[in-house]
Amino acid sequence: MPASIIDGAAIAAELRDSLAREVAALAAEGVQPGLAAVLVGDDPGSVSYVAGKAKACAEIGVLSETFRLPAETAQAELVQRIAALNADGRFHAILQQLPLPPHIDERAVLDAIAPAKDVDGLHPTNLGRLLRGETGGPVPCTPQGVMHLLERSGVDPAGKHAVVVGRSTLVGRPLSVLLSNKAAGANATVTLCHTGTADLAVHTRAADILVVAAGRPGTVTAEMVKPGATVIDVGTNRIDDPSRKRGWRLVGDVDFAGVVEVAGRITKVPGGVGPMTIAMLLANTVRAAREARSRAGSARGARSGP
């Protein structure tokens, strides 16, 4: 029997509805969550992605503004723009769209974002808190989305063997921490692999939960999957397809046609993890606005105290 499909689009839509209600509640208190997106250059994928995030913000009442800079922008100028956004009270969250042009040090730019406004959870302060098991702050959006998909699909990682294929700071490493946390909805035994892992199939076949974020189509095939496993495909790859009017289509890192016949649950590409990533970006923005309001209230209370 083919695997059950985990519908990321439907789960993300439910989360956005919940966030819209929270945004309305904040608006009644005079607070509108705000997201500033910074885009350097005109990479088509980045332009499309940022436009999608702006549309998602508008749909739930979040203020968003995209600051577009030319590809030749100097690193110092970009860092200055980040500093200005850190000080701008309209924006509770800042998104630096990646990748950046080769002449810009990505880490230096991400480090310049105020930790409280780090919507992607990539500032070293926030990554350090994640490593310590603190889950109240910003968490990278895609790993957070994967955890939400597992929860909403009734997949409890506790006591299970989770294998993550991919070691990026954006997905693989933080997800391995989230899955192994001693907490409800986690507590898995985790193996972190990558495309250079020897005998990768030996590890993937042992997985009760298999998350593939390798950035390479066809990384995992049917014979690499344990029967009945939950498979989460994070990959988004554009491949040529002359049968399509646009000449290409999106596929994941998993051979879906084969793996769907072996797995117990599986996500599709598109429509799986992608919508959850954007939903978690919205969730992090709303959380940042809520925490900023709380800090402001505490500061007013301190000023009016004895």
C-alpha atoms as a PDB file:
ATOM      1  CA  MET A   1       0.000   0.000   0.000  1.00  0.00           C
ATOM      2  CA  PRO A   2       1.413   3.439  -0.930  1.00  0.00           C
ATOM      3  CA  ALA A   3       2.456   5.781   1.873  1.00  0.00           C
ATOM      4  CA  SER A   4       0.093   8.333   3.376  1.00  0.00           C
ATOM      5  CA  ILE A   5       0.870  11.817   2.082  1.00  0.00           C
ATOM      6  CA  ILE A   6       1.730  14.447   4.692  1.00  0.00           C
ATOM      7  CA  ASP A   7       0.001  17.544   3.308  1.00  0.00           C
ATOM      8  CA  GLY A   8       2.274  20.420   4.258  1.00  0.00           C
ATOM      9  CA  ALA A   9       0.151  22.945   2.400  1.00  0.00           C
ATOM     10  CA  ALA A  10      -2.962  22.076   4.435  1.00  0.00           C
ATOM     11  CA  ILE A  11      -1.087  22.056   7.759  1.00  0.00           C
ATOM     12  CA  ALA A  12       0.550  25.395   6.910  1.00  0.00           C
ATOM     13  CA  ALA A  13      -2.840  26.892   6.036  1.00  0.00           C
ATOM     14  CA  GLU A  14      -4.197  25.930   9.453  1.00  0.00           C
ATOM     15  CA  LEU A  15      -1.183  27.514  11.136  1.00  0.00           C
ATOM     16  CA  ARG A  16      -1.571  30.719   9.108  1.00  0.00           C
ATOM     17  CA  ASP A  17      -5.231  30.940  10.164  1.00  0.00           C
ATOM     18  CA  SER A  18      -4.174  30.690  13.806  1.00  0.00           C
ATOM     19  CA  LEU A  19      -1.482  33.331  13.288  1.00  0.00           C
ATOM     20  CA  ALA A  20      -3.992  35.657  11.610  1.00  0.00           C
ATOM     21  CA  ARG A  21      -6.107  35.558  14.758  1.00  0.00           C
ATOM     22  CA  GLU A  22      -3.064  36.329  16.880  1.00  0.00           C
ATOM     23  CA  VAL A  23      -2.120  39.235  14.601  1.00  0.00           C
ATOM     24  CA  ALA A  24      -5.654  40.615  14.964  1.00  0.00           C
ATOM     25  CA  ALA A  25      -5.371  40.362  18.752  1.00  0.00           C
ATOM     26  CA  LEU A  26      -2.065  42.241  18.688  1.00  0.00           C
ATOM     27  CA  ALA A  27      -3.562  44.882  16.394  1.00  0.00           C
ATOM     28  CA  ALA A  28      -6.299  45.464  18.980  1.00  0.00           C
ATOM     29  CA  GLU A  29      -3.486  46.350  21.389  1.00  0.00           C
ATOM     30  CA  GLY A  30      -1.907  48.729  18.881  1.00  0.00           C
ATOM     31  CA  VAL A  31       0.841  46.383  17.667  1.00  0.00           C
ATOM     32  CA  GLN A  32       1.312  45.296  14.045  1.00  0.00           C
ATOM     33  CA  PRO A  33       4.005  42.674  13.557  1.00  0.00           C
ATOM     34  CA  GLY A  34       6.542  43.828  10.984  1.00  0.00           C
ATOM     35  CA  LEU A  35       9.046  41.938   8.809  1.00  0.00           C
ATOM     36  CA  ALA A  36      11.868  43.577   6.874  1.00  0.00           C
ATOM     37  CA  ALA A  37      13.372  41.509   4.052  1.00  0.00           C
ATOM     38  CA  VAL A  38      16.741  42.459   2.585  1.00  0.00           C
ATOM     39  CA  LEU A  39      17.498  41.244  -0.939  1.00  0.00           C
ATOM     40  CA  VAL A  40      20.907  41.798  -2.545  1.00  0.00           C
ATOM     41  CA  GLY A  41      21.015  41.255  -6.295  1.00  0.00           C
ATOM     42  CA  ASP A  42      18.376  39.832  -8.601  1.00  0.00           C
ATOM     43  CA  ASP A  43      18.694  36.052  -8.322  1.00  0.00           C
ATOM     44  CA  PRO A  44      15.366  34.800  -9.758  1.00  0.00           C
ATOM     45  CA  GLY A  45      14.857  32.207  -7.046  1.00  0.00           C
ATOM     46  CA  SER A  46      15.482  34.724  -4.268  1.00  0.00           C
ATOM     47  CA  VAL A  47      13.241  37.341  -5.882  1.00  0.00           C
ATOM     48  CA  SER A  48      10.411  34.814  -6.182  1.00  0.00           C
ATOM     49  CA  TYR A  49      10.910  33.550  -2.625  1.00  0.00           C
ATOM     50  CA  VAL A  50      10.853  37.028  -1.088  1.00  0.00           C
ATOM     51  CA  ALA A  51       7.752  37.930  -3.108  1.00  0.00           C
ATOM     52  CA  GLY A  52       6.023  34.819  -1.763  1.00  0.00           C
ATOM     53  CA  LYS A  53       6.906  35.772   1.801  1.00  0.00           C
ATOM     54  CA  ALA A  54       5.562  39.310   1.286  1.00  0.00           C
ATOM     55  CA  LYS A  55       2.288  37.880  -0.050  1.00  0.00           C
ATOM     56  CA  ALA A  56       2.007  35.523   2.943  1.00  0.00           C
ATOM     57  CA  CYS A  57       2.573  38.439   5.330  1.00  0.00           C
ATOM     58  CA  ALA A  58      -0.144  40.515   3.686  1.00  0.00           C
ATOM     59  CA  GLU A  59      -2.625  37.652   3.923  1.00  0.00           C
ATOM     60  CA  ILE A  60      -2.456  37.549   7.736  1.00  0.00           C
ATOM     61  CA  GLY A  61      -1.988  41.279   8.384  1.00  0.00           C
ATOM     62  CA  VAL A  62       1.771  41.400   8.973  1.00  0.00           C
ATOM     63  CA  LEU A  63       3.545  44.545   7.769  1.00  0.00           C
ATOM     64  CA  SER A  64       6.330  43.658   5.342  1.00  0.00           C
ATOM     65  CA  GLU A  65       8.785  45.663   3.307  1.00  0.00           C
ATOM     66  CA  THR A  66      11.511  44.436   0.984  1.00  0.00           C
ATOM     67  CA  PHE A  67      14.739  46.406   0.770  1.00  0.00           C
ATOM     68  CA  ARG A  68      16.368  45.620  -2.578  1.00  0.00           C
ATOM     69  CA  LEU A  69      20.058  46.396  -3.032  1.00  0.00           C
ATOM     70  CA  PRO A  70      22.175  45.955  -6.171  1.00  0.00           C
ATOM     71  CA  ALA A  71      24.473  42.937  -6.422  1.00  0.00           C
ATOM     72  CA  GLU A  72      27.552  45.178  -6.223  1.00  0.00           C
ATOM     73  CA  THR A  73      26.542  46.555  -2.790  1.00  0.00           C
ATOM     74  CA  ALA A  74      29.544  46.677  -0.452  1.00  0.00           C
ATOM     75  CA  GLN A  75      29.480  44.568   2.680  1.00  0.00           C
ATOM     76  CA  ALA A  76      29.827  47.631   4.908  1.00  0.00           C
ATOM     77  CA  GLU A  77      26.801  49.232   3.258  1.00  0.00           C
ATOM     78  CA  LEU A  78      24.725  46.100   3.801  1.00  0.00           C
ATOM     79  CA  VAL A  79      25.745  45.911   7.459  1.00  0.00           C
ATOM     80  CA  GLN A  80      24.765  49.572   7.860  1.00  0.00           C
ATOM     81  CA  ARG A  81      21.340  48.805   6.395  1.00  0.00           C
ATOM     82  CA  ILE A  82      20.925  45.953   8.877  1.00  0.00           C
ATOM     83  CA  ALA A  83      21.901  48.292  11.737  1.00  0.00           C
ATOM     84  CA  ALA A  84      19.238  50.780  10.622  1.00  0.00           C
ATOM     85  CA  LEU A  85      16.606  48.035  10.568  1.00  0.00           C
ATOM     86  CA  ASN A  86      17.697  46.869  14.022  1.00  0.00           C
ATOM     87  CA  ALA A  87      16.820  50.356  15.269  1.00  0.00           C
ATOM     88  CA  ASP A  88      13.567  50.673  13.287  1.00  0.00           C
ATOM     89  CA  GLY A  89      10.616  50.047  15.621  1.00  0.00           C
ATOM     90  CA  ARG A  90       8.283  49.223  12.722  1.00  0.00           C
ATOM     91  CA  PHE A  91      10.055  45.919  12.162  1.00  0.00           C
ATOM     92  CA  HIS A  92      10.127  43.171  14.767  1.00  0.00           C
ATOM     93  CA  ALA A  93      11.921  40.692  12.485  1.00  0.00           C
ATOM     94  CA  ILE A  94      14.622  40.923   9.819  1.00  0.00           C
ATOM     95  CA  LEU A  95      15.122  38.445   6.993  1.00  0.00           C
ATOM     96  CA  GLN A  96      18.415  38.521   5.106  1.00  0.00           C
ATOM     97  CA  GLN A  97      17.739  36.581   1.930  1.00  0.00           C
ATOM     98  CA  LEU A  98      20.486  34.113   1.047  1.00  0.00           C
ATOM     99  CA  PRO A  99      22.658  33.450  -0.872  1.00  0.00           C
ATOM    100  CA  LEU A 100      24.632  36.687  -0.921  1.00  0.00           C
ATOM    101  CA  PRO A 101      27.050  37.741  -3.674  1.00  0.00           C
ATOM    102  CA  PRO A 102      30.523  36.154  -3.329  1.00  0.00           C
ATOM    103  CA  HIS A 103      32.216  39.361  -2.156  1.00  0.00           C
ATOM    104  CA  ILE A 104      30.029  39.563   0.971  1.00  0.00           C
ATOM    105  CA  ASP A 105      30.787  37.541   4.108  1.00  0.00           C
ATOM    106  CA  GLU A 106      27.482  35.849   4.894  1.00  0.00           C
ATOM    107  CA  ARG A 107      28.367  35.239   8.540  1.00  0.00           C
ATOM    108  CA  ALA A 108      29.278  38.872   9.155  1.00  0.00           C
ATOM    109  CA  VAL A 109      25.902  39.989   7.826  1.00  0.00           C
ATOM    110  CA  LEU A 110      23.905  37.437   9.816  1.00  0.00           C
ATOM    111  CA  ASP A 111      25.880  38.329  12.950  1.00  0.00           C
ATOM    112  CA  ALA A 112      24.857  41.975  12.472  1.00  0.00           C
ATOM    113  CA  ILE A 113      21.150  41.203  12.912  1.00  0.00           C
ATOM    114  CA  ALA A 114      19.910  41.821  16.444  1.00  0.00           C
ATOM    115  CA  PRO A 115      19.218  38.398  18.022  1.00  0.00           C
ATOM    116  CA  ALA A 116      15.670  39.454  18.984  1.00  0.00           C
ATOM    117  CA  LYS A 117      14.933  40.319  15.328  1.00  0.00           C
ATOM    118  CA  ASP A 118      16.648  37.270  13.811  1.00  0.00           C
ATOM    119  CA  VAL A 119      13.641  35.684  12.109  1.00  0.00           C
ATOM    120  CA  ASP A 120      15.712  32.819  10.637  1.00  0.00           C
ATOM    121  CA  GLY A 121      17.305  31.873  13.970  1.00  0.00           C
ATOM    122  CA  LEU A 122      20.810  31.946  12.439  1.00  0.00           C
ATOM    123  CA  HIS A 123      22.500  34.447  14.744  1.00  0.00           C
ATOM    124  CA  PRO A 124      25.162  32.644  16.837  1.00  0.00           C
ATOM    125  CA  THR A 125      23.363  33.686  20.017  1.00  0.00           C
ATOM    126  CA  ASN A 126      20.167  31.968  18.881  1.00  0.00           C
ATOM    127  CA  LEU A 127      21.974  28.896  17.552  1.00  0.00           C
ATOM    128  CA  GLY A 128      23.790  28.648  20.881  1.00  0.00           C
ATOM    129  CA  ARG A 129      20.525  28.822  22.796  1.00  0.00           C
ATOM    130  CA  LEU A 130      19.118  26.096  20.565  1.00  0.00           C
ATOM    131  CA  LEU A 131      22.121  23.918  21.292  1.00  0.00           C
ATOM    132  CA  ARG A 132      21.535  24.415  25.032  1.00  0.00           C
ATOM    133  CA  GLY A 133      17.973  23.165  24.627  1.00  0.00           C
ATOM    134  CA  GLU A 134      16.299  26.569  24.873  1.00  0.00           C
ATOM    135  CA  THR A 135      13.353  26.544  22.479  1.00  0.00           C
ATOM    136  CA  GLY A 136      11.696  29.846  23.377  1.00  0.00           C
ATOM    137  CA  GLY A 137      13.731  31.954  20.948  1.00  0.00           C
ATOM    138  CA  PRO A 138      13.943  32.045  17.152  1.00  0.00           C
ATOM    139  CA  VAL A 139      14.515  28.620  15.594  1.00  0.00           C
ATOM    140  CA  PRO A 140      15.495  28.159  11.926  1.00  0.00           C
ATOM    141  CA  CYS A 141      12.267  28.045   9.953  1.00  0.00           C
ATOM    142  CA  THR A 142      12.643  24.841   7.937  1.00  0.00           C
ATOM    143  CA  PRO A 143      13.677  22.600  10.880  1.00  0.00           C
ATOM    144  CA  GLN A 144      10.881  24.134  12.929  1.00  0.00           C
ATOM    145  CA  GLY A 145       8.490  23.361  10.084  1.00  0.00           C
ATOM    146  CA  VAL A 146       9.637  19.739   9.934  1.00  0.00           C
ATOM    147  CA  MET A 147       9.011  19.333  13.663  1.00  0.00           C
ATOM    148  CA  HIS A 148       5.525  20.808  13.264  1.00  0.00           C
ATOM    149  CA  LEU A 149       4.775  18.444  10.364  1.00  0.00           C
ATOM    150  CA  LEU A 150       5.757  15.451  12.485  1.00  0.00           C
ATOM    151  CA  GLU A 151       3.609  16.623  15.394  1.00  0.00           C
ATOM    152  CA  ARG A 152       0.552  17.331  13.242  1.00  0.00           C
ATOM    153  CA  SER A 153       0.941  13.968  11.480  1.00  0.00           C
ATOM    154  CA  GLY A 154       0.930  12.042  14.750  1.00  0.00           C
ATOM    155  CA  VAL A 155       4.586  11.019  14.451  1.00  0.00           C
ATOM    156  CA  ASP A 156       6.219  11.065  17.901  1.00  0.00           C
ATOM    157  CA  PRO A 157      10.039  10.954  17.584  1.00  0.00           C
ATOM    158  CA  ALA A 158      10.478   9.754  21.184  1.00  0.00           C
ATOM    159  CA  GLY A 159      12.500   6.542  21.261  1.00  0.00           C
ATOM    160  CA  LYS A 160      12.717   6.379  17.470  1.00  0.00           C
ATOM    161  CA  HIS A 161      15.799   6.445  15.273  1.00  0.00           C
ATOM    162  CA  ALA A 162      15.818   9.624  13.195  1.00  0.00           C
ATOM    163  CA  VAL A 163      18.301   9.987  10.343  1.00  0.00           C
ATOM    164  CA  VAL A 164      18.945  13.436   8.873  1.00  0.00           C
ATOM    165  CA  VAL A 165      20.724  13.595   5.512  1.00  0.00           C
ATOM    166  CA  GLY A 166      22.273  17.047   5.185  1.00  0.00           C
ATOM    167  CA  ARG A 167      24.482  19.032   7.561  1.00  0.00           C
ATOM    168  CA  SER A 168      23.742  22.665   6.690  1.00  0.00           C
ATOM    169  CA  THR A 169      23.277  25.304   9.364  1.00  0.00           C
ATOM    170  CA  LEU A 170      19.932  26.135   7.754  1.00  0.00           C
ATOM    171  CA  VAL A 171      18.422  22.662   8.097  1.00  0.00           C
ATOM    172  CA  GLY A 172      20.394  19.555   9.006  1.00  0.00           C
ATOM    173  CA  ARG A 173      22.358  20.619  12.062  1.00  0.00           C
ATOM    174  CA  PRO A 174      19.577  22.512  13.880  1.00  0.00           C
ATOM    175  CA  LEU A 175      17.060  19.786  13.022  1.00  0.00           C
ATOM    176  CA  SER A 176      19.310  17.124  14.533  1.00  0.00           C
ATOM    177  CA  VAL A 177      19.365  19.163  17.754  1.00  0.00           C
ATOM    178  CA  LEU A 178      15.583  19.663  17.779  1.00  0.00           C
ATOM    179  CA  LEU A 179      14.929  15.955  17.248  1.00  0.00           C
ATOM    180  CA  SER A 180      17.335  14.933  20.019  1.00  0.00           C
ATOM    181  CA  ASN A 181      16.142  17.478  22.603  1.00  0.00           C
ATOM    182  CA  LYS A 182      14.913  16.012  25.868  1.00  0.00           C
ATOM    183  CA  ALA A 183      11.425  17.402  25.384  1.00  0.00           C
ATOM    184  CA  ALA A 184       7.919  16.491  24.336  1.00  0.00           C
ATOM    185  CA  GLY A 185       7.716  15.953  20.596  1.00  0.00           C
ATOM    186  CA  ALA A 186      11.423  15.123  20.380  1.00  0.00           C
ATOM    187  CA  ASN A 187      13.720  12.746  22.332  1.00  0.00           C
ATOM    188  CA  ALA A 188      14.817  10.753  19.283  1.00  0.00           C
ATOM    189  CA  THR A 189      18.135   9.019  18.723  1.00  0.00           C
ATOM    190  CA  VAL A 190      19.640  10.951  15.823  1.00  0.00           C
ATOM    191  CA  THR A 191      22.164  10.090  13.135  1.00  0.00           C
ATOM    192  CA  LEU A 192      23.395  13.035  11.041  1.00  0.00           C
ATOM    193  CA  CYS A 193      24.591  12.063   7.567  1.00  0.00           C
ATOM    194  CA  HIS A 194      25.490  13.894   4.365  1.00  0.00           C
ATOM    195  CA  THR A 195      26.272  13.198   0.722  1.00  0.00           C
ATOM    196  CA  GLY A 196      29.836  12.251   1.661  1.00  0.00           C
ATOM    197  CA  THR A 197      28.750   9.605   4.180  1.00  0.00           C
ATOM    198  CA  ALA A 198      30.139   6.177   3.325  1.00  0.00           C
ATOM    199  CA  ASP A 199      27.425   3.544   2.825  1.00  0.00           C
ATOM    200  CA  LEU A 200      24.665   6.117   3.223  1.00  0.00           C
ATOM    201  CA  ALA A 201      21.982   3.484   2.588  1.00  0.00           C
ATOM    202  CA  VAL A 202      23.085   1.535   5.670  1.00  0.00           C
ATOM    203  CA  HIS A 203      22.078   4.508   7.795  1.00  0.00           C
ATOM    204  CA  THR A 204      18.922   5.510   5.924  1.00  0.00           C
ATOM    205  CA  ARG A 205      17.533   1.948   6.021  1.00  0.00           C
ATOM    206  CA  ALA A 206      17.762   2.055   9.821  1.00  0.00           C
ATOM    207  CA  ALA A 207      15.638   5.194  10.103  1.00  0.00           C
ATOM    208  CA  ASP A 208      12.144   5.263  11.569  1.00  0.00           C
ATOM    209  CA  ILE A 209      12.099   8.951  10.615  1.00  0.00           C
ATOM    210  CA  LEU A 210      14.158   9.966   7.579  1.00  0.00           C
ATOM    211  CA  VAL A 211      14.647  13.639   6.733  1.00  0.00           C
ATOM    212  CA  VAL A 212      16.480  14.372   3.484  1.00  0.00           C
ATOM    213  CA  ALA A 213      17.975  17.836   2.992  1.00  0.00           C
ATOM    214  CA  ALA A 214      20.963  17.088   0.782  1.00  0.00           C
ATOM    215  CA  GLY A 215      20.236  19.494  -2.077  1.00  0.00           C
ATOM    216  CA  ARG A 216      20.604  16.782  -4.697  1.00  0.00           C
ATOM    217  CA  PRO A 217      17.795  15.074  -6.647  1.00  0.00           C
ATOM    218  CA  GLY A 218      17.503  11.319  -6.227  1.00  0.00           C
ATOM    219  CA  THR A 219      19.710  11.155  -3.143  1.00  0.00           C
ATOM    220  CA  VAL A 220      17.362   8.624  -1.514  1.00  0.00           C
ATOM    221  CA  THR A 221      15.739   5.807  -3.490  1.00  0.00           C
ATOM    222  CA  ALA A 222      13.267   3.092  -2.512  1.00  0.00           C
ATOM    223  CA  GLU A 223      15.862   0.490  -1.564  1.00  0.00           C
ATOM    224  CA  MET A 224      17.382   2.973   0.898  1.00  0.00           C
ATOM    225  CA  VAL A 225      14.195   3.299   2.976  1.00  0.00           C
ATOM    226  CA  LYS A 226      12.939   1.130   5.832  1.00  0.00           C
ATOM    227  CA  PRO A 227       9.407  -0.155   5.133  1.00  0.00           C
ATOM    228  CA  GLY A 228       6.868   1.951   6.988  1.00  0.00           C
ATOM    229  CA  ALA A 229       9.284   4.813   7.742  1.00  0.00           C
ATOM    230  CA  THR A 230       8.224   8.462   7.816  1.00  0.00           C
ATOM    231  CA  VAL A 231      10.086  10.321   5.057  1.00  0.00           C
ATOM    232  CA  ILE A 232      10.345  14.112   5.020  1.00  0.00           C
ATOM    233  CA  ASP A 233      11.771  15.528   1.783  1.00  0.00           C
ATOM    234  CA  VAL A 234      13.232  19.012   2.298  1.00  0.00           C
ATOM    235  CA  GLY A 235      14.875  19.268  -1.131  1.00  0.00           C
ATOM    236  CA  THR A 236      13.734  21.716  -3.806  1.00  0.00           C
ATOM    237  CA  ASN A 237      15.499  21.160  -7.105  1.00  0.00           C
ATOM    238  CA  ARG A 238      14.652  22.475 -10.546  1.00  0.00           C
ATOM    239  CA  ILE A 239      15.144  19.894 -13.305  1.00  0.00           C
ATOM    240  CA  ASP A 240      14.533  20.110 -17.048  1.00  0.00           C
ATOM    241  CA  ASP A 241      11.173  18.805 -18.236  1.00  0.00           C
ATOM    242  CA  PRO A 242      10.349  19.437 -21.910  1.00  0.00           C
ATOM    243  CA  SER A 243       6.801  18.190 -21.296  1.00  0.00           C
ATOM    244  CA  ARG A 244       6.083  21.261 -19.161  1.00  0.00           C
ATOM    245  CA  LYS A 245       5.296  24.602 -20.789  1.00  0.00           C
ATOM    246  CA  ARG A 246       7.912  26.318 -18.655  1.00  0.00           C
ATOM    247  CA  GLY A 247      10.461  23.628 -19.503  1.00  0.00           C
ATOM    248  CA  TRP A 248      11.196  22.532 -15.943  1.00  0.00           C
ATOM    249  CA  ARG A 249       9.655  21.135 -12.787  1.00  0.00           C
ATOM    250  CA  LEU A 250      10.459  20.951  -9.091  1.00  0.00           C
ATOM    251  CA  VAL A 251      11.551  17.714  -7.442  1.00  0.00           C
ATOM    252  CA  GLY A 252      12.866  16.860  -4.011  1.00  0.00           C
ATOM    253  CA  ASP A 253      15.917  14.929  -2.870  1.00  0.00           C
ATOM    254  CA  VAL A 254      13.856  11.725  -2.633  1.00  0.00           C
ATOM    255  CA  ASP A 255      12.789   9.543  -5.566  1.00  0.00           C
ATOM    256  CA  PHE A 256       9.128  10.010  -4.703  1.00  0.00           C
ATOM    257  CA  ALA A 257       7.690   7.530  -7.208  1.00  0.00           C
ATOM    258  CA  GLY A 258       9.732   4.695  -5.723  1.00  0.00           C
ATOM    259  CA  VAL A 259       9.812   5.678  -2.056  1.00  0.00           C
ATOM    260  CA  VAL A 260       6.046   6.254  -1.827  1.00  0.00           C
ATOM    261  CA  GLU A 261       5.619   2.498  -2.325  1.00  0.00           C
ATOM    262  CA  VAL A 262       7.842   1.688   0.677  1.00  0.00           C
ATOM    263  CA  ALA A 263       7.376   4.434   3.269  1.00  0.00           C
ATOM    264  CA  GLY A 264       4.519   4.716   5.730  1.00  0.00           C
ATOM    265  CA  ARG A 265       4.249   8.510   5.477  1.00  0.00           C
ATOM    266  CA  ILE A 266       5.900  10.906   3.049  1.00  0.00           C
ATOM    267  CA  THR A 267       5.890  14.556   1.987  1.00  0.00           C
ATOM    268  CA  LYS A 268       5.669  15.703  -1.625  1.00  0.00           C
ATOM    269  CA  VAL A 269       7.639  18.377  -3.464  1.00  0.00           C
ATOM    270  CA  PRO A 270       6.159  20.881  -3.916  1.00  0.00           C
ATOM    271  CA  GLY A 271       3.480  21.071  -1.222  1.00  0.00           C
ATOM    272  CA  GLY A 272       5.334  19.495   1.681  1.00  0.00           C
ATOM    273  CA  VAL A 273       8.006  21.287   3.687  1.00  0.00           C
ATOM    274  CA  GLY A 274       8.047  24.466   1.556  1.00  0.00           C
ATOM    275  CA  PRO A 275       4.734  25.902   2.788  1.00  0.00           C
ATOM    276  CA  MET A 276       5.754  25.103   6.372  1.00  0.00           C
ATOM    277  CA  THR A 277       8.973  27.109   6.029  1.00  0.00           C
ATOM    278  CA  ILE A 278       7.021  30.243   5.128  1.00  0.00           C
ATOM    279  CA  ALA A 279       4.443  29.574   7.858  1.00  0.00           C
ATOM    280  CA  MET A 280       7.241  29.336  10.430  1.00  0.00           C
ATOM    281  CA  LEU A 281       8.733  32.588   9.155  1.00  0.00           C
ATOM    282  CA  LEU A 282       5.376  34.188   9.919  1.00  0.00           C
ATOM    283  CA  ALA A 283       5.246  32.479  13.312  1.00  0.00           C
ATOM    284  CA  ASN A 284       8.705  33.779  14.214  1.00  0.00           C
ATOM    285  CA  THR A 285       7.705  37.298  13.156  1.00  0.00           C
ATOM    286  CA  VAL A 286       4.553  37.242  15.285  1.00  0.00           C
ATOM    287  CA  ARG A 287       6.494  35.805  18.241  1.00  0.00           C
ATOM    288  CA  ALA A 288       9.068  38.605  17.914  1.00  0.00           C
ATOM    289  CA  ALA A 289       6.314  41.227  17.940  1.00  0.00           C
ATOM    290  CA  ARG A 290       4.705  39.654  20.994  1.00  0.00           C
ATOM    291  CA  GLU A 291       8.010  39.582  22.859  1.00  0.00           C
ATOM    292  CA  ALA A 292       8.812  43.187  21.869  1.00  0.00           C
ATOM    293  CA  ARG A 293       5.446  44.260  23.273  1.00  0.00           C
ATOM    294  CA  SER A 294       6.197  42.380  26.484  1.00  0.00           C
ATOM    295  CA  ARG A 295       9.615  44.044  26.817  1.00  0.00           C
ATOM    296  CA  ALA A 296       8.081  47.458  26.243  1.00  0.00           C
ATOM    297  CA  GLY A 297       5.461  46.773  28.903  1.00  0.00           C
ATOM    298  CA  SER A 298       8.145  45.712  31.394  1.00  0.00           C
ATOM    299  CA  ALA A 299      10.152  48.839  30.652  1.00  0.00           C
ATOM    300  CA  ARG A 300       7.123  51.077  31.226  1.00  0.00           C
ATOM    301  CA  GLY A 301       6.418  49.293  34.483  1.00  0.00           C
ATOM    302  CA  ALA A 302       9.999  49.822  35.640  1.00  0.00           C
ATOM    303  CA  ARG A 303       9.855  53.543  34.836  1.00  0.00           C
ATOM    304  CA  SER A 304       6.585  54.026  36.704  1.00  0.00           C
ATOM    305  CA  GLY A 305       7.700  52.042  39.750  1.00  0.00           C
ATOM    306  CA  PRO A 306       8.635  53.533  43.125  1.00  0.00           C
END
